[in-house]
Amino acid sequence: VTLGQDQAVLSLTTELAPTRFLDIPHEQDKHDGVGPRTRLFQVEIAQVKQRHYLALGLVASLLIVAIGIAFYQHYQLTTLTTRAEDIFYAMKRFELRMAELERRMTDQQQKQEQEELRAAKQGTESLAREYDELLAEQGLYARMRDEDQAVLRVVRRLGECETAMPPEFLEEVHKYIHNWQTTPKLHNSMQRALASGYTGVISNAMLTRKLPKQLFYVALQESGFNPRAIGKKTAFGYAKGMWQFIPSTATRYKLKVGPLHHLEEFDPDDERFDPIKSTHAAAEYLKDIYLTDAQASGLLVIASYNWGEQNILKRIRELPKDPRERNFWQLMKKFTIPKETHDYVFHIIAAAVIGENPQLFGFRFPAPFSTKPTTS
């Protein structure tokens, strides 16, 4: 390069480079063995690297902040869930305590029991409000589609804590909802119940005993709401009527068993075929289990009704006598139940979910607890 060319390059570099770069001593350039243009490029590269490192640092900082926020949100959600479960099971203990107090109250003179009962009711109402507030803050229902929300509502009404529900439970319920959608049995049975006025009879029998009205669907699974149903012969005799009582259980709950109890025939003198009397007997039977061994779990009661009271109670009694540890979730976790009972329980849950909003699931019968019985 000639002297003139070198001067021209230096002149061009001087015009293009920032002023702060022109203070680099010429002797230093010579010492480094690089020209002004190379020095300029080196400085620019160094600045690019510096900006790159700053950007990486910023991204890392933002990532740390994001992880911190996610961790806090997870911690907060876990705390809300734990608190919600604490409140739910406290409500169940209040419910059991109220049932015990009501059994002890034989006359109006027992003021102490009355005051304790009143306090328990107030405590339950207060806890229920707090529980609903926690669920709203947690956003549990808001994050779910309508079909899943219906499952959670039924689970809660049947005495189980929705925040403690196993993750696979939703999928299992929807499988049984699909089963109902592939057969006319649910539609035909519900039309029979609505036309005969059984929705009101059964739900009122349950509610007056402080039981979930969704136990209405036990009669669906037992007989399709057919008051003249006769089951298969068993070692305990024929199960008969809408609630499929065997003779010994019918007698225990003050139903008169007819002279044809040993035959697979309808018997007008057998009160198991009376839809009103048998419904009240069934409600008493369900209540006895619900408020004692089942620890206010409607799902444990349903399982017991199918599997045999003694069979299920043997396993229930192995669980601690506390609603938090003695419930359907714990039963499923710690024991294997027969497929027949599993199907029985989940068909009833699925039917109750459909009954929340039949149209949502493709059915055309009216919701049983929000409409008047129809003869159509």
Protein backbone atom coordinates (compact mmCIF):
# COMPACT_ATOMS: atom_id res chain seq x y z
CA VAL A 1 0.00 0.00 0.00
CA THR A 2 1.41 3.39 -0.93
CA LEU A 3 1.57 6.33 1.41
CA GLY A 4 -1.23 8.00 -0.45
CA GLN A 5 -3.46 4.93 -0.16
CA ASP A 6 -2.72 4.64 3.55
CA GLN A 7 -3.68 8.25 4.11
CA ALA A 8 -6.88 7.76 2.14
CA VAL A 9 -7.84 4.74 4.25
CA LEU A 10 -7.09 6.65 7.44
CA SER A 11 -9.18 9.55 6.22
CA LEU A 12 -12.14 7.25 5.44
CA THR A 13 -11.81 5.50 8.80
CA THR A 14 -11.77 8.86 10.54
CA GLU A 15 -15.02 9.85 8.88
CA LEU A 16 -16.80 6.54 9.70
CA ALA A 17 -15.54 5.81 13.25
CA PRO A 18 -16.98 7.33 16.44
CA THR A 19 -14.87 10.14 17.86
CA ARG A 20 -13.88 8.14 20.97
CA PHE A 21 -12.08 5.60 18.82
CA LEU A 22 -9.76 8.23 17.26
CA ASP A 23 -7.84 8.74 20.50
CA ILE A 24 -6.04 5.41 20.10
CA PRO A 25 -2.28 6.23 19.99
CA HIS A 26 -0.71 5.63 16.61
CA GLU A 27 2.43 4.15 18.23
CA GLN A 28 0.29 1.56 20.01
CA ASP A 29 -1.17 0.58 16.65
CA LYS A 30 2.28 0.01 15.33
CA HIS A 31 3.24 -1.96 18.40
CA ASP A 32 0.19 -4.23 17.99
CA GLY A 33 0.95 -4.70 14.35
CA VAL A 34 -2.60 -3.72 13.23
CA GLY A 35 -3.90 -0.87 11.21
CA PRO A 36 -6.66 1.58 12.12
CA ARG A 37 -9.36 -0.36 10.22
CA THR A 38 -8.47 -3.61 11.98
CA ARG A 39 -8.42 -1.80 15.32
CA LEU A 40 -11.88 -0.41 14.56
CA PHE A 41 -13.21 -3.84 13.74
CA GLN A 42 -11.72 -5.26 16.93
CA VAL A 43 -13.37 -2.55 19.02
CA GLU A 44 -16.72 -3.08 17.29
CA ILE A 45 -16.46 -6.84 17.82
CA ALA A 46 -15.69 -6.28 21.50
CA GLN A 47 -18.77 -4.06 21.83
CA VAL A 48 -20.95 -6.64 20.08
CA LYS A 49 -19.70 -9.30 22.49
CA GLN A 50 -20.35 -6.97 25.42
CA ARG A 51 -23.93 -6.37 24.25
CA HIS A 52 -24.36 -10.14 23.74
CA TYR A 53 -23.20 -10.87 27.27
CA LEU A 54 -25.49 -8.15 28.62
CA ALA A 55 -28.41 -9.66 26.70
CA LEU A 56 -27.61 -13.11 28.04
CA GLY A 57 -27.43 -11.71 31.53
CA LEU A 58 -30.79 -10.00 31.08
CA VAL A 59 -32.38 -13.22 29.76
CA ALA A 60 -30.91 -15.18 32.65
CA SER A 61 -32.23 -12.62 35.12
CA LEU A 62 -35.70 -12.74 33.55
CA LEU A 63 -35.61 -16.55 33.61
CA ILE A 64 -34.72 -16.53 37.30
CA VAL A 65 -37.57 -14.10 37.98
CA ALA A 66 -40.00 -16.25 35.94
CA ILE A 67 -38.94 -19.40 37.82
CA GLY A 68 -39.38 -17.53 41.09
CA ILE A 69 -42.87 -16.38 40.10
CA ALA A 70 -43.84 -19.90 38.95
CA PHE A 71 -42.52 -21.38 42.19
CA TYR A 72 -44.46 -18.83 44.24
CA GLN A 73 -47.65 -19.46 42.26
CA HIS A 74 -47.25 -23.21 42.72
CA TYR A 75 -46.61 -22.72 46.44
CA GLN A 76 -49.63 -20.45 46.71
CA LEU A 77 -51.85 -22.92 44.81
CA THR A 78 -50.63 -25.79 46.99
CA THR A 79 -51.31 -23.74 50.11
CA LEU A 80 -54.83 -22.88 48.90
CA THR A 81 -55.52 -26.51 48.05
CA THR A 82 -54.34 -27.71 51.44
CA ARG A 83 -56.40 -25.06 53.19
CA ALA A 84 -59.46 -25.96 51.11
CA GLU A 85 -59.12 -29.63 52.02
CA ASP A 86 -58.70 -28.75 55.71
CA ILE A 87 -61.93 -26.77 55.59
CA PHE A 88 -63.84 -29.41 53.63
CA TYR A 89 -63.04 -32.20 56.08
CA ALA A 90 -63.77 -29.90 59.00
CA MET A 91 -67.25 -29.43 57.48
CA LYS A 92 -67.68 -33.20 57.27
CA ARG A 93 -66.74 -33.55 60.94
CA PHE A 94 -69.32 -30.87 61.80
CA GLU A 95 -71.89 -32.80 59.74
CA LEU A 96 -71.20 -35.99 61.66
CA ARG A 97 -71.29 -34.15 64.97
CA MET A 98 -74.68 -32.63 64.12
CA ALA A 99 -76.04 -36.07 63.27
CA GLU A 100 -74.84 -37.39 66.62
CA LEU A 101 -76.44 -34.49 68.47
CA GLU A 102 -79.73 -34.94 66.65
CA ARG A 103 -79.82 -38.61 67.61
CA ARG A 104 -79.33 -37.67 71.26
CA MET A 105 -82.04 -35.02 71.25
CA THR A 106 -85.19 -36.84 72.32
CA ASP A 107 -87.08 -33.81 73.68
CA GLN A 108 -86.97 -30.03 73.78
CA GLN A 109 -85.46 -29.99 77.30
CA GLN A 110 -81.95 -30.84 76.15
CA LYS A 111 -80.79 -27.24 75.89
CA GLN A 112 -77.09 -28.02 75.89
CA GLU A 113 -77.43 -30.28 72.86
CA GLN A 114 -79.59 -27.70 71.12
CA GLU A 115 -77.03 -24.96 71.67
CA GLU A 116 -74.20 -27.18 70.47
CA LEU A 117 -76.23 -28.17 67.42
CA ARG A 118 -76.91 -24.52 66.61
CA ALA A 119 -73.21 -23.70 66.97
CA ALA A 120 -72.29 -26.64 64.73
CA LYS A 121 -74.69 -25.47 62.03
CA GLN A 122 -73.28 -21.95 62.17
CA GLY A 123 -69.76 -23.33 62.03
CA THR A 124 -70.61 -25.44 58.99
CA GLU A 125 -72.16 -22.47 57.18
CA SER A 126 -69.12 -20.31 57.93
CA LEU A 127 -66.72 -23.00 56.74
CA ALA A 128 -68.77 -23.54 53.58
CA ARG A 129 -68.49 -19.85 52.70
CA GLU A 130 -64.74 -19.88 53.33
CA TYR A 131 -64.37 -23.04 51.27
CA ASP A 132 -66.21 -21.50 48.32
CA GLU A 133 -64.03 -18.39 48.56
CA LEU A 134 -60.88 -20.51 48.50
CA LEU A 135 -62.09 -22.44 45.46
CA ALA A 136 -62.81 -19.16 43.70
CA GLU A 137 -59.36 -17.82 44.60
CA GLN A 138 -57.78 -21.06 43.46
CA GLY A 139 -59.71 -20.87 40.18
CA LEU A 140 -60.37 -24.62 40.17
CA TYR A 141 -63.71 -24.42 38.35
CA ALA A 142 -62.65 -21.53 36.12
CA ARG A 143 -59.88 -23.65 34.61
CA MET A 144 -62.25 -26.45 33.60
CA ARG A 145 -64.69 -27.07 30.79
CA ASP A 146 -68.40 -27.33 31.65
CA GLU A 147 -68.45 -31.14 31.53
CA ASP A 148 -65.64 -31.38 34.09
CA GLN A 149 -67.25 -28.76 36.33
CA ALA A 150 -70.38 -30.93 36.45
CA VAL A 151 -68.25 -33.85 37.71
CA LEU A 152 -66.77 -31.71 40.48
CA ARG A 153 -70.19 -30.47 41.60
CA VAL A 154 -71.53 -34.03 41.87
CA VAL A 155 -68.41 -35.21 43.71
CA ARG A 156 -68.84 -32.48 46.30
CA ARG A 157 -72.57 -33.13 46.73
CA LEU A 158 -71.83 -36.80 47.30
CA GLY A 159 -69.55 -35.89 50.16
CA GLU A 160 -66.07 -35.97 48.61
CA CYS A 161 -63.54 -33.14 48.43
CA GLU A 162 -63.04 -32.06 44.83
CA THR A 163 -59.57 -30.62 45.48
CA ALA A 164 -58.41 -34.04 46.74
CA MET A 165 -59.85 -35.86 43.73
CA PRO A 166 -57.35 -38.22 42.04
CA PRO A 167 -56.28 -36.91 38.61
CA GLU A 168 -57.48 -40.05 36.79
CA PHE A 169 -61.00 -39.77 38.27
CA LEU A 170 -62.29 -37.28 35.67
CA GLU A 171 -61.28 -39.46 32.75
CA GLU A 172 -62.90 -42.50 34.36
CA VAL A 173 -66.20 -40.69 34.92
CA HIS A 174 -66.28 -39.48 31.31
CA LYS A 175 -65.77 -43.08 30.15
CA TYR A 176 -68.95 -44.08 31.98
CA ILE A 177 -70.80 -41.03 30.69
CA HIS A 178 -69.97 -42.33 27.20
CA ASN A 179 -71.37 -45.73 28.21
CA TRP A 180 -74.69 -44.10 29.10
CA GLN A 181 -74.66 -42.26 25.76
CA THR A 182 -74.51 -45.54 23.83
CA THR A 183 -77.67 -47.08 25.34
CA PRO A 184 -81.30 -45.94 25.73
CA LYS A 185 -81.42 -47.25 29.32
CA LEU A 186 -80.76 -43.90 31.04
CA HIS A 187 -83.25 -41.99 28.90
CA ASN A 188 -85.98 -44.61 29.35
CA SER A 189 -85.38 -44.94 33.09
CA MET A 190 -85.44 -41.18 33.63
CA GLN A 191 -88.67 -40.86 31.67
CA ARG A 192 -90.20 -43.54 33.94
CA ALA A 193 -89.00 -41.75 37.09
CA LEU A 194 -90.24 -38.36 35.90
CA ALA A 195 -93.62 -39.69 34.76
CA SER A 196 -94.17 -41.54 38.06
CA GLY A 197 -93.08 -38.67 40.27
CA TYR A 198 -90.20 -40.66 41.75
CA THR A 199 -87.76 -37.76 41.45
CA GLY A 200 -89.59 -35.83 44.14
CA VAL A 201 -90.37 -38.87 46.30
CA ILE A 202 -86.79 -40.13 46.35
CA SER A 203 -84.97 -36.79 46.60
CA ASN A 204 -87.26 -35.66 49.44
CA ALA A 205 -86.69 -38.93 51.30
CA MET A 206 -82.95 -38.32 51.07
CA LEU A 207 -83.01 -34.62 51.92
CA THR A 208 -85.20 -35.06 55.01
CA ARG A 209 -82.53 -37.42 56.32
CA LYS A 210 -79.75 -34.96 55.40
CA LEU A 211 -78.45 -37.23 52.68
CA PRO A 212 -77.28 -36.15 49.20
CA LYS A 213 -80.25 -36.18 46.85
CA GLN A 214 -77.94 -37.66 44.20
CA LEU A 215 -78.43 -41.02 45.95
CA PHE A 216 -81.60 -40.96 43.86
CA TYR A 217 -79.50 -42.59 41.12
CA VAL A 218 -78.93 -45.72 43.21
CA ALA A 219 -82.49 -46.76 42.28
CA LEU A 220 -81.61 -46.12 38.62
CA GLN A 221 -78.73 -48.58 38.76
CA GLU A 222 -80.65 -51.10 40.87
CA SER A 223 -83.84 -51.32 38.85
CA GLY A 224 -84.17 -48.52 36.30
CA PHE A 225 -86.84 -47.09 38.67
CA ASN A 226 -89.01 -50.15 38.06
CA PRO A 227 -90.97 -50.86 41.30
CA ARG A 228 -91.74 -54.42 40.14
CA ALA A 229 -88.16 -55.40 39.37
CA ILE A 230 -87.00 -58.86 40.49
CA GLY A 231 -83.31 -59.68 40.63
CA LYS A 232 -81.53 -62.97 40.25
CA LYS A 233 -81.73 -65.54 43.01
CA THR A 234 -78.92 -65.23 45.56
CA ALA A 235 -77.83 -67.13 48.65
CA PHE A 236 -79.90 -64.59 50.62
CA GLY A 237 -83.06 -64.95 48.52
CA TYR A 238 -84.51 -62.85 45.72
CA ALA A 239 -83.84 -59.10 45.66
CA LYS A 240 -87.10 -57.35 44.80
CA GLY A 241 -88.55 -53.93 44.15
CA MET A 242 -87.13 -50.63 43.00
CA TRP A 243 -84.37 -50.76 45.64
CA GLN A 244 -83.71 -54.50 45.29
CA PHE A 245 -83.95 -55.39 48.98
CA ILE A 246 -83.18 -58.96 49.97
CA PRO A 247 -85.65 -60.38 52.54
CA SER A 248 -83.44 -59.97 55.62
CA THR A 249 -82.58 -56.32 54.93
CA ALA A 250 -86.20 -55.52 54.10
CA THR A 251 -87.32 -56.97 57.44
CA ARG A 252 -84.61 -55.06 59.32
CA TYR A 253 -85.97 -51.80 57.87
CA LYS A 254 -89.59 -52.66 58.70
CA LEU A 255 -90.79 -53.73 55.27
CA LYS A 256 -93.20 -56.64 55.25
CA VAL A 257 -91.93 -59.50 53.10
CA GLY A 258 -94.70 -61.36 51.25
CA PRO A 259 -95.43 -65.08 51.22
CA LEU A 260 -93.98 -65.41 47.71
CA HIS A 261 -90.55 -64.16 48.73
CA HIS A 262 -88.96 -67.49 47.75
CA LEU A 263 -90.38 -67.30 44.21
CA GLU A 264 -89.36 -65.19 41.21
CA GLU A 265 -92.79 -63.57 41.13
CA PHE A 266 -94.47 -60.27 41.90
CA ASP A 267 -96.27 -60.33 45.25
CA PRO A 268 -98.80 -57.58 46.05
CA ASP A 269 -98.37 -58.35 49.76
CA ASP A 270 -94.63 -57.72 49.65
CA GLU A 271 -93.84 -54.10 50.63
CA ARG A 272 -90.57 -54.21 48.73
CA PHE A 273 -92.75 -53.60 45.66
CA ASP A 274 -94.26 -50.45 47.23
CA PRO A 275 -92.24 -47.54 45.75
CA ILE A 276 -93.02 -45.16 48.62
CA LYS A 277 -92.42 -47.51 51.56
CA SER A 278 -89.36 -49.08 50.00
CA THR A 279 -87.88 -45.65 49.24
CA HIS A 280 -88.16 -44.57 52.87
CA ALA A 281 -86.67 -47.88 54.00
CA ALA A 282 -83.80 -47.42 51.53
CA ALA A 283 -83.19 -43.87 52.76
CA GLU A 284 -82.97 -45.12 56.35
CA TYR A 285 -80.59 -47.87 55.32
CA LEU A 286 -78.37 -45.42 53.40
CA LYS A 287 -78.45 -42.95 56.29
CA ASP A 288 -77.27 -45.55 58.80
CA ILE A 289 -74.14 -46.18 56.74
CA TYR A 290 -73.59 -42.56 55.66
CA LEU A 291 -73.53 -41.03 59.13
CA THR A 292 -71.52 -43.77 60.84
CA ASP A 293 -69.02 -46.02 59.10
CA ALA A 294 -68.96 -44.13 55.80
CA GLN A 295 -68.07 -40.87 57.61
CA ALA A 296 -70.42 -38.80 55.42
CA SER A 297 -69.09 -40.14 52.11
CA GLY A 298 -71.94 -40.78 49.69
CA LEU A 299 -69.62 -42.69 47.37
CA LEU A 300 -68.70 -45.12 50.15
CA VAL A 301 -72.41 -45.63 50.78
CA ILE A 302 -73.00 -46.38 47.08
CA ALA A 303 -70.15 -48.89 47.02
CA SER A 304 -71.52 -50.52 50.15
CA TYR A 305 -75.02 -50.81 48.70
CA ASN A 306 -73.72 -52.87 45.81
CA TRP A 307 -70.84 -54.85 47.26
CA GLY A 308 -72.62 -55.92 50.39
CA GLU A 309 -72.69 -53.96 53.59
CA GLN A 310 -70.40 -56.28 55.51
CA ASN A 311 -67.88 -56.74 52.70
CA ILE A 312 -67.26 -53.04 52.23
CA LEU A 313 -67.49 -52.20 55.91
CA LYS A 314 -64.65 -54.60 56.71
CA ARG A 315 -62.40 -52.48 54.52
CA ILE A 316 -63.88 -49.14 55.55
CA ARG A 317 -63.21 -49.92 59.19
CA GLU A 318 -59.56 -50.50 58.40
CA LEU A 319 -59.33 -46.79 57.52
CA PRO A 320 -58.97 -44.22 60.35
CA LYS A 321 -62.33 -42.98 61.58
CA ASP A 322 -61.96 -39.48 60.20
CA PRO A 323 -63.47 -38.05 56.96
CA ARG A 324 -60.04 -37.04 55.69
CA GLU A 325 -58.76 -40.62 55.84
CA ARG A 326 -62.01 -42.55 55.45
CA ASN A 327 -63.45 -41.61 52.08
CA PHE A 328 -63.82 -42.99 48.56
CA TRP A 329 -60.45 -41.62 47.41
CA GLN A 330 -58.70 -43.53 50.19
CA LEU A 331 -60.72 -46.69 49.52
CA MET A 332 -59.66 -46.67 45.85
CA LYS A 333 -56.07 -45.94 46.80
CA LYS A 334 -55.65 -48.64 49.43
CA PHE A 335 -57.95 -51.45 48.27
CA THR A 336 -58.92 -53.24 45.09
CA ILE A 337 -62.67 -53.44 44.70
CA PRO A 338 -64.48 -55.87 42.38
CA LYS A 339 -65.10 -54.71 38.80
CA GLU A 340 -68.84 -55.10 39.36
CA THR A 341 -68.73 -52.60 42.22
CA HIS A 342 -66.39 -50.28 40.32
CA ASP A 343 -68.83 -50.24 37.38
CA TYR A 344 -71.78 -49.78 39.73
CA VAL A 345 -70.31 -46.74 41.49
CA PHE A 346 -69.08 -45.04 38.33
CA HIS A 347 -72.32 -45.59 36.43
CA ILE A 348 -74.17 -43.86 39.27
CA ILE A 349 -71.68 -40.97 39.39
CA ALA A 350 -71.87 -40.59 35.60
CA ALA A 351 -75.69 -40.59 35.67
CA ALA A 352 -75.68 -37.93 38.40
CA VAL A 353 -73.28 -35.80 36.33
CA ILE A 354 -75.51 -36.11 33.27
CA GLY A 355 -78.49 -35.18 35.45
CA GLU A 356 -76.82 -31.84 36.25
CA ASN A 357 -77.35 -30.74 32.65
CA PRO A 358 -78.68 -33.51 30.38
CA GLN A 359 -78.58 -31.35 27.24
CA LEU A 360 -74.85 -30.72 27.73
CA PHE A 361 -74.28 -34.46 27.34
CA GLY A 362 -76.70 -34.99 24.46
CA PHE A 363 -79.78 -36.16 26.40
CA ARG A 364 -83.24 -34.68 25.98
CA PHE A 365 -84.88 -35.47 29.30
CA PRO A 366 -85.18 -32.55 31.76
CA ALA A 367 -82.84 -32.21 34.73
CA PRO A 368 -84.62 -34.19 37.47
CA PHE A 369 -84.11 -31.75 40.34
CA SER A 370 -84.88 -28.50 38.56
CA THR A 371 -88.08 -29.34 36.70
CA LYS A 372 -91.51 -30.68 37.51
CA PRO A 373 -92.21 -34.34 36.74
CA THR A 374 -93.55 -34.82 33.23
CA THR A 375 -95.77 -37.48 31.68
CA SER A 376 -94.42 -37.00 28.16
